Structure formats: C-alpha cells, structure tokens
Amino acid sequence: MLTCRELVQTRASDYLDSQLNWRQRASVRFHLLICDHCRRFIRQLDLVRRVLAREPEAPVSEAELKALAERLHRQHQQQAGHRHK
C-alpha cells in the first residue's frame, strides 16, 4: 500500500499532471480514499499550482514547486501530530 510519504515525495505532482500509469493512479486514488490528510495536501498542492499558473511574470521552477510541496507536507505532518496528542 502507498504511504503518505511515498505519495507526497514521488507521486503527487505526477498525479496532478496525469503522468501516472493506471496502477500508480489506482494506488494514489485508493490512498486518497482512506487518508484525509493526503486529500487535503493534494487539494492544497493543486491550488498552489493553479494560482502559480496564473502568474506569467513569475515563472516557478520544478525545484521551487517541489520545495513548496515538501513544506506543505511538513506542515501537514505537524498538524496531524498535534491532533493525535
């Protein structure tokens, strides 16, 4: 089964870009069915990407998008940790 870490680090961007094969897509979709934290992360990442796409004067590199995704993931983990205490 796909873990949260695997989803965030290796599949999220490709999932949003429709770059996954059917098995990978199914794995991501199954994980999103059972993990509300990753569903929220995917929604946030998609929102960030759509907002950035509207800003033609400020091109964003893939490295910057990845850094932002990782920062969102860390925040997500911190929030999840606070809820379980």
N, C-alpha and C. Protein backbone atom coordinates (compact mmCIF):
# COMPACT_ATOMS: atom_id res chain seq x y z
N MET A 1 0.84 -1.18 0.00
CA MET A 1 0.00 0.00 0.00
C MET A 1 0.88 1.24 0.00
N LEU A 2 0.48 2.25 -0.71
CA LEU A 2 1.18 3.51 -0.83
C LEU A 2 1.14 4.25 0.51
N THR A 3 2.30 4.74 0.96
CA THR A 3 2.35 5.51 2.20
C THR A 3 2.19 7.00 1.90
N CYS A 4 1.90 7.76 2.95
CA CYS A 4 1.78 9.22 2.80
C CYS A 4 3.08 9.79 2.24
N ARG A 5 4.19 9.35 2.77
CA ARG A 5 5.49 9.85 2.33
C ARG A 5 5.71 9.57 0.84
N GLU A 6 5.41 8.35 0.41
CA GLU A 6 5.58 8.00 -1.00
C GLU A 6 4.68 8.86 -1.88
N LEU A 7 3.46 9.06 -1.43
CA LEU A 7 2.53 9.89 -2.21
C LEU A 7 3.09 11.29 -2.39
N VAL A 8 3.52 11.89 -1.29
CA VAL A 8 3.98 13.27 -1.32
C VAL A 8 5.29 13.39 -2.10
N GLN A 9 6.23 12.50 -1.84
CA GLN A 9 7.56 12.64 -2.43
C GLN A 9 7.66 12.15 -3.86
N THR A 10 6.85 11.17 -4.24
CA THR A 10 7.07 10.59 -5.57
C THR A 10 5.87 10.61 -6.49
N ARG A 11 4.67 10.86 -5.99
CA ARG A 11 3.51 10.70 -6.85
C ARG A 11 2.62 11.93 -6.99
N ALA A 12 2.64 12.84 -6.04
CA ALA A 12 1.66 13.94 -6.03
C ALA A 12 1.68 14.77 -7.31
N SER A 13 2.85 15.25 -7.69
CA SER A 13 2.94 16.10 -8.89
C SER A 13 2.55 15.32 -10.14
N ASP A 14 3.06 14.11 -10.26
CA ASP A 14 2.72 13.30 -11.43
C ASP A 14 1.24 12.96 -11.47
N TYR A 15 0.64 12.76 -10.30
CA TYR A 15 -0.80 12.51 -10.23
C TYR A 15 -1.57 13.72 -10.76
N LEU A 16 -1.21 14.90 -10.29
CA LEU A 16 -1.91 16.11 -10.74
C LEU A 16 -1.66 16.41 -12.21
N ASP A 17 -0.50 15.97 -12.73
CA ASP A 17 -0.17 16.18 -14.14
C ASP A 17 -0.67 15.05 -15.03
N SER A 18 -1.36 14.07 -14.45
CA SER A 18 -1.84 12.89 -15.19
C SER A 18 -0.70 12.14 -15.87
N GLN A 19 0.39 11.99 -15.15
CA GLN A 19 1.58 11.33 -15.70
C GLN A 19 1.79 9.92 -15.15
N LEU A 20 0.83 9.38 -14.43
CA LEU A 20 0.98 8.06 -13.83
C LEU A 20 0.30 7.00 -14.70
N ASN A 21 0.84 5.78 -14.64
CA ASN A 21 0.15 4.69 -15.33
C ASN A 21 -1.08 4.30 -14.50
N TRP A 22 -1.89 3.42 -15.02
CA TRP A 22 -3.16 3.11 -14.37
C TRP A 22 -2.97 2.52 -12.98
N ARG A 23 -1.96 1.69 -12.78
CA ARG A 23 -1.72 1.10 -11.46
C ARG A 23 -1.30 2.16 -10.44
N GLN A 24 -0.41 3.04 -10.86
CA GLN A 24 0.03 4.11 -9.96
C GLN A 24 -1.14 5.03 -9.61
N ARG A 25 -1.95 5.37 -10.61
CA ARG A 25 -3.13 6.21 -10.39
C ARG A 25 -4.10 5.53 -9.42
N ALA A 26 -4.32 4.24 -9.62
CA ALA A 26 -5.22 3.50 -8.74
C ALA A 26 -4.67 3.47 -7.32
N SER A 27 -3.37 3.31 -7.18
CA SER A 27 -2.75 3.30 -5.87
C SER A 27 -2.93 4.64 -5.16
N VAL A 28 -2.73 5.72 -5.90
CA VAL A 28 -2.91 7.06 -5.33
C VAL A 28 -4.38 7.27 -4.96
N ARG A 29 -5.28 6.92 -5.84
CA ARG A 29 -6.71 7.12 -5.57
C ARG A 29 -7.17 6.31 -4.36
N PHE A 30 -6.68 5.08 -4.24
CA PHE A 30 -7.04 4.28 -3.07
C PHE A 30 -6.53 4.94 -1.79
N HIS A 31 -5.28 5.40 -1.82
CA HIS A 31 -4.72 6.07 -0.65
C HIS A 31 -5.54 7.31 -0.30
N LEU A 32 -5.92 8.08 -1.30
CA LEU A 32 -6.70 9.29 -1.06
C LEU A 32 -8.09 8.98 -0.49
N LEU A 33 -8.62 7.81 -0.82
CA LEU A 33 -9.91 7.41 -0.25
C LEU A 33 -9.84 7.22 1.26
N ILE A 34 -8.69 6.75 1.74
CA ILE A 34 -8.59 6.43 3.16
C ILE A 34 -7.81 7.46 3.97
N CYS A 35 -7.21 8.45 3.32
CA CYS A 35 -6.35 9.40 4.04
C CYS A 35 -6.79 10.83 3.80
N ASP A 36 -7.50 11.38 4.77
CA ASP A 36 -7.98 12.76 4.59
C ASP A 36 -6.84 13.76 4.61
N HIS A 37 -5.73 13.45 5.27
CA HIS A 37 -4.58 14.36 5.30
C HIS A 37 -3.97 14.50 3.90
N CYS A 38 -3.82 13.39 3.21
CA CYS A 38 -3.25 13.46 1.85
C CYS A 38 -4.24 14.07 0.87
N ARG A 39 -5.54 13.83 1.07
CA ARG A 39 -6.53 14.51 0.22
C ARG A 39 -6.38 16.01 0.37
N ARG A 40 -6.22 16.49 1.60
CA ARG A 40 -6.05 17.92 1.84
C ARG A 40 -4.75 18.40 1.20
N PHE A 41 -3.68 17.63 1.33
CA PHE A 41 -2.41 18.00 0.73
C PHE A 41 -2.53 18.13 -0.79
N ILE A 42 -3.18 17.16 -1.43
CA ILE A 42 -3.34 17.20 -2.89
C ILE A 42 -4.17 18.42 -3.29
N ARG A 43 -5.22 18.71 -2.54
CA ARG A 43 -6.03 19.90 -2.84
C ARG A 43 -5.19 21.17 -2.70
N GLN A 44 -4.39 21.26 -1.65
CA GLN A 44 -3.55 22.44 -1.44
C GLN A 44 -2.50 22.56 -2.54
N LEU A 45 -1.87 21.46 -2.89
CA LEU A 45 -0.85 21.48 -3.94
C LEU A 45 -1.49 21.88 -5.28
N ASP A 46 -2.65 21.35 -5.57
CA ASP A 46 -3.34 21.71 -6.81
C ASP A 46 -3.70 23.19 -6.82
N LEU A 47 -4.17 23.70 -5.70
CA LEU A 47 -4.49 25.13 -5.61
C LEU A 47 -3.25 25.99 -5.84
N VAL A 48 -2.15 25.64 -5.20
CA VAL A 48 -0.91 26.39 -5.38
C VAL A 48 -0.48 26.38 -6.84
N ARG A 49 -0.54 25.22 -7.46
CA ARG A 49 -0.14 25.11 -8.87
C ARG A 49 -1.04 25.96 -9.77
N ARG A 50 -2.35 25.95 -9.51
CA ARG A 50 -3.26 26.73 -10.32
C ARG A 50 -3.04 28.23 -10.13
N VAL A 51 -2.79 28.64 -8.90
CA VAL A 51 -2.52 30.06 -8.64
C VAL A 51 -1.23 30.48 -9.32
N LEU A 52 -0.21 29.66 -9.20
CA LEU A 52 1.07 29.99 -9.82
C LEU A 52 0.98 30.01 -11.34
N ALA A 53 0.11 29.19 -11.89
CA ALA A 53 -0.06 29.15 -13.35
C ALA A 53 -0.67 30.46 -13.87
N ARG A 54 -1.36 31.18 -13.01
CA ARG A 54 -1.97 32.45 -13.40
C ARG A 54 -0.99 33.61 -13.37
N GLU A 55 0.19 33.39 -12.85
CA GLU A 55 1.20 34.45 -12.69
C GLU A 55 2.32 34.28 -13.73
N PRO A 56 2.10 34.73 -14.97
CA PRO A 56 3.10 34.53 -16.02
C PRO A 56 4.40 35.31 -15.78
N GLU A 57 4.35 36.40 -15.01
CA GLU A 57 5.56 37.19 -14.79
C GLU A 57 6.52 36.51 -13.82
N ALA A 58 6.02 35.58 -13.06
CA ALA A 58 6.85 34.95 -12.04
C ALA A 58 6.97 33.44 -12.31
N PRO A 59 7.82 33.06 -13.26
CA PRO A 59 7.97 31.63 -13.55
C PRO A 59 8.52 30.89 -12.33
N VAL A 60 8.00 29.70 -12.10
CA VAL A 60 8.40 28.89 -10.96
C VAL A 60 9.05 27.62 -11.48
N SER A 61 10.22 27.32 -10.93
CA SER A 61 10.93 26.12 -11.37
C SER A 61 10.33 24.88 -10.72
N GLU A 62 10.63 23.75 -11.29
CA GLU A 62 10.18 22.47 -10.72
C GLU A 62 10.75 22.30 -9.31
N ALA A 63 11.98 22.74 -9.09
CA ALA A 63 12.60 22.65 -7.77
C ALA A 63 11.84 23.49 -6.74
N GLU A 64 11.38 24.67 -7.16
CA GLU A 64 10.61 25.52 -6.25
C GLU A 64 9.26 24.88 -5.91
N LEU A 65 8.62 24.28 -6.92
CA LEU A 65 7.36 23.59 -6.66
C LEU A 65 7.56 22.42 -5.72
N LYS A 66 8.65 21.69 -5.93
CA LYS A 66 8.94 20.54 -5.06
C LYS A 66 9.22 21.01 -3.63
N ALA A 67 9.97 22.08 -3.47
CA ALA A 67 10.26 22.63 -2.14
C ALA A 67 8.96 23.06 -1.46
N LEU A 68 8.07 23.68 -2.22
CA LEU A 68 6.79 24.09 -1.66
C LEU A 68 5.96 22.87 -1.25
N ALA A 69 5.96 21.84 -2.09
CA ALA A 69 5.22 20.62 -1.76
C ALA A 69 5.77 19.99 -0.49
N GLU A 70 7.08 19.97 -0.36
CA GLU A 70 7.69 19.40 0.85
C GLU A 70 7.36 20.24 2.08
N ARG A 71 7.35 21.55 1.94
CA ARG A 71 7.00 22.42 3.06
C ARG A 71 5.54 22.20 3.48
N LEU A 72 4.65 22.07 2.50
CA LEU A 72 3.25 21.78 2.81
C LEU A 72 3.12 20.43 3.50
N HIS A 73 3.91 19.46 3.05
CA HIS A 73 3.87 18.13 3.67
C HIS A 73 4.33 18.20 5.13
N ARG A 74 5.39 18.93 5.41
CA ARG A 74 5.87 19.07 6.79
C ARG A 74 4.80 19.73 7.66
N GLN A 75 4.16 20.75 7.13
CA GLN A 75 3.09 21.41 7.88
C GLN A 75 1.94 20.44 8.13
N HIS A 76 1.64 19.66 7.14
CA HIS A 76 0.59 18.65 7.25
C HIS A 76 0.93 17.66 8.35
N GLN A 77 2.17 17.20 8.39
CA GLN A 77 2.60 16.25 9.42
C GLN A 77 2.53 16.89 10.81
N GLN A 78 2.93 18.14 10.92
CA GLN A 78 2.87 18.82 12.20
C GLN A 78 1.43 18.95 12.67
N GLN A 79 0.54 19.30 11.77
CA GLN A 79 -0.88 19.45 12.13
C GLN A 79 -1.46 18.11 12.55
N ALA A 80 -1.11 17.07 11.83
CA ALA A 80 -1.61 15.73 12.15
C ALA A 80 -1.07 15.29 13.51
N GLY A 81 0.18 15.61 13.82
CA GLY A 81 0.78 15.27 15.10
C GLY A 81 0.10 15.97 16.25
N HIS A 82 -0.29 17.20 16.04
CA HIS A 82 -0.97 17.97 17.09
C HIS A 82 -2.36 17.40 17.38
N ARG A 83 -3.02 16.89 16.36
CA ARG A 83 -4.37 16.35 16.54
C ARG A 83 -4.36 15.03 17.29
N HIS A 84 -3.26 14.28 17.16
CA HIS A 84 -3.19 12.95 17.78
C HIS A 84 -2.66 13.00 19.20
N LYS A 85 -2.30 14.16 19.68
CA LYS A 85 -1.75 14.26 21.06
C LYS A 85 -2.86 14.38 22.06
